[in-house]
Amino acid sequence: MKNSIACVFPETLPAERFLLPLVQVFGQVVHMQAIENAPPEQRTASAFIERCRQQGRLGAFTPVPLGDQRERFLALARDIRRRGDTYISQLSMITLAGLGRRDNPDQPHTILTSLLRGADIKEQEQTELMLWQSRLMLELGEAYDIDQTELSDALRTIAHKQDTLFAELCEEEENPFALPAAGQDDSPEADTILRHRLKAWTRLCFHGGRTAPGLLVSRHRTAIDLLQEVYEKRWQQSARLLAEIAIPVPAGDQEAGYADETDGRQSPDLDRLLAEISATGSCLRFSDEREQMLRAGLAQWSRIAASPAAAVGSATLELYSFPQASSARLFSESFADAVSGRPDGGEEDAGCVVGLLKMD
């Protein structure tokens, strides 16, 4: 059994497309829950996701539980879900107006503050209000993900009907016409919403000196670029690309038992190294021994992960090392406006490792 953990950010809902490659490399994949003991989101669930959850391959963590305020927040969250389109529309208008810039702090009358006032949440201690705002932002992000998933499903259905119609009309297997790819997230609106989600996720995950429960992994190139940009500016050096791990992706009808199958395919050195990084909250100080472990692990992986016959695609997990920067410090300075610069004295941080999952 692999002991490594992938901690996905900033999404708080599992997506089968990205879970499938990650469970091949890691023993468990975890997502943040802004509300403790929140029921799984059924609209995004699939048989594969439920199987992973039952097997303990998919989990959740809540860094800052609400405690006796939980029911109050759930009532507000239910209202957001009922009127999600309205809130997402307002949020988009605000972020596109410029509130998503990292150099512009949260304004006192943003939609999040308005929502809190509407739920009779008074102006409390600044930290407490910030945490409530962060939870609300993640709830809005979930609503946005669900909307995008439903849109993508609808476009795929239309594309399938279109392909079938053209094949019948032209009596050809190949169709030269195609709809635009669904679910693209590179629009200005999506980018600004992503920056808000990264800020909210960071504030909750690392609040009170906490660390992430695993190796931090994102599917967003923008997030990794922002980390690298801030790291170069503050630490006066560049991040290092440690590894590129190619992962075969199986066909849809092969997914059900894939978690069981891949858990039996071991790369001992790579598993051990990823487990060490996971156990320290995505932190690792590299040594010659660990360098050798990484190289041996990658060689083992390349042998056992030869594309199976059922594979229809591939993914790549890129691992980046940020020496002398803890994950909490790097994320806070990159996403949460905590600008303190590189420490001039005291003990150096061990450094952290962050992954980028790319789908072909």
Protein backbone atom coordinates (compact mmCIF):
# COMPACT_ATOMS: atom_id res chain seq x y z
CA MET A 1 0.00 0.00 0.00
CA LYS A 2 1.35 3.41 -0.97
CA ASN A 3 1.63 5.90 1.90
CA SER A 4 1.88 9.00 -0.27
CA ILE A 5 -0.84 11.66 -0.38
CA ALA A 6 -1.67 14.20 -3.10
CA CYS A 7 -3.32 17.35 -1.75
CA VAL A 8 -5.26 18.97 -4.59
CA PHE A 9 -5.63 22.77 -4.70
CA PRO A 10 -7.63 24.97 -5.00
CA GLU A 11 -10.58 22.77 -6.04
CA THR A 12 -12.68 21.35 -3.22
CA LEU A 13 -14.66 18.83 -5.34
CA PRO A 14 -13.03 15.71 -6.83
CA ALA A 15 -13.12 15.39 -10.61
CA GLU A 16 -12.79 11.94 -12.14
CA ARG A 17 -10.63 13.18 -15.01
CA PHE A 18 -7.92 14.36 -12.60
CA LEU A 19 -8.45 11.77 -9.87
CA LEU A 20 -7.84 8.89 -12.27
CA PRO A 21 -4.16 9.67 -12.99
CA LEU A 22 -3.37 10.76 -9.41
CA VAL A 23 -4.49 7.49 -7.78
CA GLN A 24 -1.97 5.68 -9.96
CA VAL A 25 0.92 7.60 -8.40
CA PHE A 26 -0.34 8.33 -4.87
CA GLY A 27 -1.91 6.14 -2.23
CA GLN A 28 -4.55 8.76 -1.45
CA VAL A 29 -5.88 12.00 -2.92
CA VAL A 30 -7.35 14.61 -0.56
CA HIS A 31 -9.39 17.78 -1.12
CA MET A 32 -10.17 20.56 1.32
CA GLN A 33 -13.65 20.80 2.82
CA ALA A 34 -14.45 24.31 3.95
CA ILE A 35 -17.18 22.88 6.21
CA GLU A 36 -16.44 19.87 8.39
CA ASN A 37 -18.43 16.67 7.75
CA ALA A 38 -19.98 18.14 4.61
CA PRO A 39 -21.93 15.52 2.61
CA PRO A 40 -20.39 14.55 -0.78
CA GLU A 41 -21.62 16.54 -3.76
CA GLN A 42 -23.80 14.04 -5.62
CA ARG A 43 -24.02 16.05 -8.85
CA THR A 44 -20.31 15.56 -9.53
CA ALA A 45 -20.02 12.00 -8.19
CA SER A 46 -19.31 8.99 -10.40
CA ALA A 47 -18.93 5.28 -9.80
CA PHE A 48 -15.14 5.64 -9.89
CA ILE A 49 -15.14 8.52 -7.40
CA GLU A 50 -17.42 6.60 -5.03
CA ARG A 51 -15.22 3.51 -5.29
CA CYS A 52 -12.10 5.53 -4.45
CA ARG A 53 -13.91 7.12 -1.50
CA GLN A 54 -15.02 3.73 -0.16
CA GLN A 55 -11.50 2.32 -0.50
CA GLY A 56 -9.96 5.25 1.35
CA ARG A 57 -8.18 6.39 -1.80
CA LEU A 58 -10.12 9.69 -1.78
CA GLY A 59 -10.42 11.81 1.36
CA ALA A 60 -11.10 15.29 2.68
CA PHE A 61 -9.64 17.57 5.34
CA THR A 62 -11.00 20.62 7.14
CA PRO A 63 -8.18 22.84 8.47
CA VAL A 64 -10.42 25.30 10.36
CA PRO A 65 -13.67 23.66 11.55
CA LEU A 66 -16.65 25.91 12.11
CA GLY A 67 -17.71 24.22 15.35
CA ASP A 68 -20.91 25.67 16.77
CA GLN A 69 -21.19 28.04 13.77
CA ARG A 70 -21.48 25.12 11.34
CA GLU A 71 -25.29 25.08 10.98
CA ARG A 72 -25.37 28.83 10.50
CA PHE A 73 -22.83 28.62 7.71
CA LEU A 74 -24.61 25.66 6.08
CA ALA A 75 -27.79 27.72 5.87
CA LEU A 76 -25.84 30.42 4.04
CA ALA A 77 -24.20 27.81 1.78
CA ARG A 78 -27.61 26.36 0.87
CA ASP A 79 -28.76 29.82 -0.14
CA ILE A 80 -25.68 30.18 -2.33
CA ARG A 81 -26.44 26.86 -4.04
CA ARG A 82 -30.08 27.86 -4.64
CA ARG A 83 -29.08 31.17 -6.19
CA GLY A 84 -25.62 30.22 -7.43
CA ASP A 85 -26.05 31.80 -10.86
CA THR A 86 -26.79 35.18 -9.30
CA TYR A 87 -23.77 35.08 -7.00
CA ILE A 88 -21.41 33.78 -9.69
CA SER A 89 -22.58 36.53 -12.05
CA GLN A 90 -21.99 39.22 -9.42
CA LEU A 91 -18.63 37.75 -8.49
CA SER A 92 -17.56 37.71 -12.15
CA MET A 93 -18.50 41.35 -12.58
CA ILE A 94 -16.49 42.32 -9.50
CA THR A 95 -13.41 40.26 -10.33
CA LEU A 96 -13.35 41.43 -13.93
CA ALA A 97 -13.54 45.01 -12.67
CA GLY A 98 -10.11 44.49 -11.11
CA LEU A 99 -10.64 43.11 -7.63
CA GLY A 100 -8.82 39.91 -8.61
CA ARG A 101 -5.42 41.60 -8.85
CA ARG A 102 -2.91 40.32 -6.32
CA ASP A 103 -1.73 43.88 -5.62
CA ASN A 104 -5.25 44.99 -4.69
CA PRO A 105 -6.41 43.81 -1.24
CA ASP A 106 -9.98 42.72 -0.49
CA GLN A 107 -12.40 45.64 -0.61
CA PRO A 108 -14.80 46.10 2.34
CA HIS A 109 -17.93 45.95 0.20
CA THR A 110 -17.24 42.97 -2.05
CA ILE A 111 -19.94 40.43 -2.72
CA LEU A 112 -18.52 38.20 0.03
CA THR A 113 -18.88 40.87 2.69
CA SER A 114 -22.38 41.62 1.39
CA LEU A 115 -23.31 37.96 1.70
CA LEU A 116 -22.09 37.88 5.27
CA ARG A 117 -24.13 40.94 6.13
CA GLY A 118 -27.16 39.34 4.51
CA ALA A 119 -26.70 36.32 6.76
CA ASP A 120 -26.49 38.61 9.80
CA ILE A 121 -22.76 38.04 10.26
CA LYS A 122 -21.55 41.19 11.95
CA GLU A 123 -18.17 42.81 11.50
CA GLN A 124 -16.30 40.60 13.93
CA GLU A 125 -12.62 40.16 14.51
CA GLN A 126 -10.86 40.66 11.18
CA THR A 127 -9.35 37.16 11.12
CA GLU A 128 -12.70 35.50 11.77
CA LEU A 129 -14.36 37.51 9.02
CA MET A 130 -11.52 36.64 6.63
CA LEU A 131 -12.04 32.92 7.29
CA TRP A 132 -15.78 33.20 6.66
CA GLN A 133 -15.08 35.03 3.41
CA SER A 134 -12.62 32.32 2.38
CA ARG A 135 -15.18 29.58 3.01
CA LEU A 136 -17.76 31.49 0.98
CA MET A 137 -15.32 31.93 -1.88
CA LEU A 138 -14.69 28.18 -1.99
CA GLU A 139 -18.46 27.56 -1.96
CA LEU A 140 -18.83 29.91 -4.92
CA GLY A 141 -15.97 28.07 -6.60
CA GLU A 142 -17.80 24.77 -6.16
CA ALA A 143 -20.92 26.26 -7.73
CA TYR A 144 -18.78 27.50 -10.63
CA ASP A 145 -17.23 24.02 -11.10
CA ILE A 146 -20.64 22.37 -11.14
CA ASP A 147 -21.91 24.84 -13.74
CA GLN A 148 -18.86 24.22 -15.91
CA THR A 149 -19.21 20.45 -15.60
CA GLU A 150 -22.87 20.57 -16.62
CA LEU A 151 -21.98 22.83 -19.56
CA SER A 152 -19.20 20.48 -20.65
CA ASP A 153 -21.53 17.47 -20.46
CA ALA A 154 -24.13 19.28 -22.54
CA LEU A 155 -21.56 20.25 -25.19
CA ARG A 156 -20.27 16.67 -25.37
CA THR A 157 -23.81 15.42 -25.89
CA ILE A 158 -24.35 17.94 -28.68
CA ALA A 159 -21.00 17.04 -30.26
CA HIS A 160 -21.88 13.33 -30.18
CA LYS A 161 -25.23 13.96 -31.86
CA GLN A 162 -23.50 16.18 -34.42
CA ASP A 163 -20.89 13.51 -35.19
CA THR A 164 -23.58 10.87 -35.60
CA LEU A 165 -25.64 13.09 -37.89
CA PHE A 166 -22.71 14.00 -40.14
CA ALA A 167 -21.59 10.35 -40.28
CA GLU A 168 -25.05 9.34 -41.43
CA LEU A 169 -25.26 12.14 -43.99
CA CYS A 170 -21.76 11.75 -45.38
CA GLU A 171 -21.43 8.00 -44.76
CA GLU A 172 -17.96 8.65 -43.40
CA GLU A 173 -16.40 7.61 -40.12
CA GLU A 174 -14.30 10.74 -39.81
CA ASN A 175 -16.09 14.05 -39.30
CA PRO A 176 -14.23 17.20 -40.42
CA PHE A 177 -16.51 19.39 -38.30
CA ALA A 178 -16.16 19.76 -34.56
CA LEU A 179 -17.46 21.90 -31.76
CA PRO A 180 -15.02 23.90 -29.65
CA ALA A 181 -13.52 21.92 -26.78
CA ALA A 182 -15.73 22.04 -23.71
CA GLY A 183 -14.77 23.20 -20.30
CA GLN A 184 -11.94 25.55 -21.20
CA ASP A 185 -10.79 27.53 -18.16
CA ASP A 186 -8.37 30.02 -19.71
CA SER A 187 -10.81 32.95 -20.02
CA PRO A 188 -10.15 36.18 -18.09
CA GLU A 189 -13.19 35.42 -15.92
CA ALA A 190 -11.94 31.95 -15.04
CA ASP A 191 -8.44 33.29 -14.31
CA THR A 192 -9.65 35.95 -11.88
CA ILE A 193 -11.96 33.50 -10.12
CA LEU A 194 -9.02 31.10 -9.86
CA ARG A 195 -6.92 33.77 -8.13
CA HIS A 196 -9.70 34.36 -5.60
CA ARG A 197 -9.95 30.63 -4.95
CA LEU A 198 -6.20 30.31 -4.50
CA LYS A 199 -6.26 33.10 -1.92
CA ALA A 200 -9.20 31.55 -0.04
CA TRP A 201 -7.70 28.07 -0.13
CA THR A 202 -4.32 29.31 1.12
CA ARG A 203 -5.81 31.31 3.98
CA LEU A 204 -7.72 28.29 5.26
CA CYS A 205 -5.10 25.60 4.63
CA PHE A 206 -2.23 27.35 6.37
CA HIS A 207 -4.18 29.23 9.05
CA GLY A 208 -2.58 29.11 12.47
CA GLY A 209 0.71 27.66 11.25
CA ARG A 210 -0.85 24.50 9.79
CA THR A 211 0.67 22.53 6.92
CA ALA A 212 -0.94 20.83 3.96
CA PRO A 213 -1.79 17.12 4.46
CA GLY A 214 0.24 15.82 1.55
CA LEU A 215 2.16 16.85 -1.55
CA LEU A 216 0.46 19.89 -3.09
CA VAL A 217 -0.80 19.29 -6.64
CA SER A 218 -2.70 21.61 -8.97
CA ARG A 219 -4.02 21.26 -12.51
CA HIS A 220 -3.59 25.00 -13.16
CA ARG A 221 -0.51 26.23 -14.98
CA THR A 222 -1.38 29.73 -13.80
CA ALA A 223 -1.02 28.71 -10.15
CA ILE A 224 2.43 27.22 -10.71
CA ASP A 225 3.52 30.25 -12.74
CA LEU A 226 2.49 32.57 -9.90
CA LEU A 227 4.45 30.47 -7.39
CA GLN A 228 7.52 30.56 -9.59
CA GLU A 229 7.21 34.30 -10.18
CA VAL A 230 7.02 35.14 -6.48
CA TYR A 231 9.73 32.63 -5.60
CA GLU A 232 12.17 34.16 -8.07
CA LYS A 233 11.41 37.65 -6.78
CA ARG A 234 11.59 36.88 -3.04
CA TRP A 235 14.22 34.12 -2.91
CA GLN A 236 16.35 35.35 -5.82
CA GLN A 237 16.52 31.95 -7.49
CA SER A 238 14.46 29.76 -9.81
CA ALA A 239 12.37 26.75 -8.96
CA ARG A 240 13.78 23.42 -10.11
CA LEU A 241 11.91 20.89 -12.21
CA LEU A 242 12.54 17.64 -10.34
CA ALA A 243 10.67 15.16 -12.47
CA GLU A 244 8.14 14.60 -15.23
CA ILE A 245 6.09 11.48 -14.49
CA ALA A 246 4.13 10.15 -17.47
CA ILE A 247 0.86 8.48 -16.45
CA PRO A 248 -1.31 6.38 -18.81
CA VAL A 249 -5.05 7.06 -18.64
CA PRO A 250 -7.37 4.05 -19.17
CA ALA A 251 -10.52 3.86 -21.24
CA GLY A 252 -13.79 4.67 -19.52
CA ASP A 253 -14.95 1.07 -19.25
CA GLN A 254 -11.70 0.12 -17.49
CA GLU A 255 -11.99 2.67 -14.67
CA ALA A 256 -14.03 0.73 -12.11
CA GLY A 257 -11.24 -1.55 -10.88
CA TYR A 258 -8.32 0.65 -11.86
CA ALA A 259 -7.58 1.89 -8.34
CA ASP A 260 -7.11 -1.72 -7.17
CA GLU A 261 -4.91 -2.60 -10.13
CA THR A 262 -2.60 0.40 -9.94
CA ASP A 263 -2.10 0.09 -6.19
CA GLY A 264 -0.42 -3.24 -6.83
CA ARG A 265 2.07 -1.72 -9.29
CA GLN A 266 4.80 -0.39 -7.04
CA SER A 267 7.76 1.86 -7.65
CA PRO A 268 9.37 1.50 -4.18
CA ASP A 269 11.87 4.35 -4.35
CA LEU A 270 9.42 6.81 -5.87
CA ASP A 271 6.71 5.74 -3.41
CA ARG A 272 9.09 6.23 -0.49
CA LEU A 273 10.16 9.70 -1.63
CA LEU A 274 6.59 10.86 -2.28
CA ALA A 275 5.57 9.49 1.12
CA GLU A 276 8.35 11.50 2.81
CA ILE A 277 7.21 14.68 1.06
CA SER A 278 3.58 13.94 1.97
CA ALA A 279 4.39 13.36 5.64
CA THR A 280 6.08 16.75 5.95
CA GLY A 281 3.32 18.83 4.35
CA SER A 282 4.88 19.04 0.88
CA CYS A 283 8.27 20.00 2.36
CA LEU A 284 11.59 18.31 1.63
CA ARG A 285 15.26 19.14 1.96
CA PHE A 286 17.05 17.34 -0.86
CA SER A 287 20.21 15.36 -0.23
CA ASP A 288 22.40 13.15 -2.40
CA GLU A 289 20.57 10.11 -1.03
CA ARG A 290 17.18 11.52 -1.99
CA GLU A 291 18.47 12.52 -5.42
CA GLN A 292 19.50 8.90 -5.99
CA MET A 293 16.15 7.70 -4.65
CA LEU A 294 14.33 9.97 -7.12
CA ARG A 295 16.36 8.79 -10.11
CA ALA A 296 15.91 5.13 -9.17
CA GLY A 297 12.20 5.69 -8.59
CA LEU A 298 11.70 7.33 -11.97
CA ALA A 299 13.50 4.44 -13.67
CA GLN A 300 11.24 1.97 -11.84
CA TRP A 301 8.15 3.96 -12.80
CA SER A 302 9.06 4.08 -16.49
CA ARG A 303 9.17 0.27 -16.50
CA ILE A 304 5.91 -0.44 -14.65
CA ALA A 305 3.85 2.36 -16.22
CA ALA A 306 4.28 1.29 -19.83
CA SER A 307 0.97 2.24 -21.45
CA PRO A 308 -1.54 -0.61 -21.01
CA ALA A 309 -3.57 -1.74 -23.99
CA ALA A 310 -6.66 -0.09 -22.51
CA ALA A 311 -5.02 3.35 -22.25
CA VAL A 312 -6.63 6.00 -24.42
CA GLY A 313 -4.73 9.04 -23.19
CA SER A 314 -1.95 10.21 -20.95
CA ALA A 315 -1.19 12.69 -18.22
CA THR A 316 2.05 14.17 -16.93
CA LEU A 317 2.81 15.04 -13.32
CA GLU A 318 5.54 17.68 -13.11
CA LEU A 319 7.21 18.07 -9.72
CA TYR A 320 8.84 21.42 -8.89
CA SER A 321 11.20 22.07 -5.98
CA PHE A 322 11.34 25.45 -4.22
CA PRO A 323 14.45 25.27 -1.98
CA GLN A 324 14.53 27.28 1.28
CA ALA A 325 10.81 28.17 1.05
CA SER A 326 8.19 26.45 3.18
CA SER A 327 4.88 25.73 1.48
CA ALA A 328 3.08 27.98 3.98
CA ARG A 329 5.39 30.94 3.32
CA LEU A 330 5.49 30.47 -0.45
CA PHE A 331 1.72 30.08 -0.82
CA SER A 332 0.95 32.98 1.52
CA GLU A 333 3.24 35.35 -0.33
CA SER A 334 2.06 34.15 -3.75
CA PHE A 335 -1.68 34.04 -3.21
CA ALA A 336 -2.70 35.72 0.06
CA ASP A 337 -0.95 39.11 -0.01
CA ALA A 338 1.44 38.14 2.80
CA VAL A 339 4.55 39.99 1.62
CA SER A 340 7.43 39.56 4.01
CA GLY A 341 10.35 38.92 1.69
CA ARG A 342 13.04 36.32 2.10
CA PRO A 343 14.12 35.93 5.75
CA ASP A 344 17.56 37.40 6.38
CA GLY A 345 18.29 35.46 9.52
CA GLY A 346 17.25 32.45 11.54
CA GLU A 347 16.85 28.87 10.42
CA GLU A 348 16.24 28.31 6.73
CA ASP A 349 13.10 26.50 5.61
CA ALA A 350 13.67 23.03 4.22
CA GLY A 351 12.00 23.88 0.94
CA CYS A 352 8.82 22.55 -0.63
CA VAL A 353 7.66 20.48 -3.59
CA VAL A 354 4.59 21.34 -5.70
CA GLY A 355 3.10 19.28 -8.53
CA LEU A 356 1.40 20.30 -11.78
CA LEU A 357 -0.91 17.72 -13.35
CA LYS A 358 -1.17 18.17 -17.13
CA MET A 359 -3.71 16.27 -19.21
CA ASP A 360 -2.98 15.55 -22.87
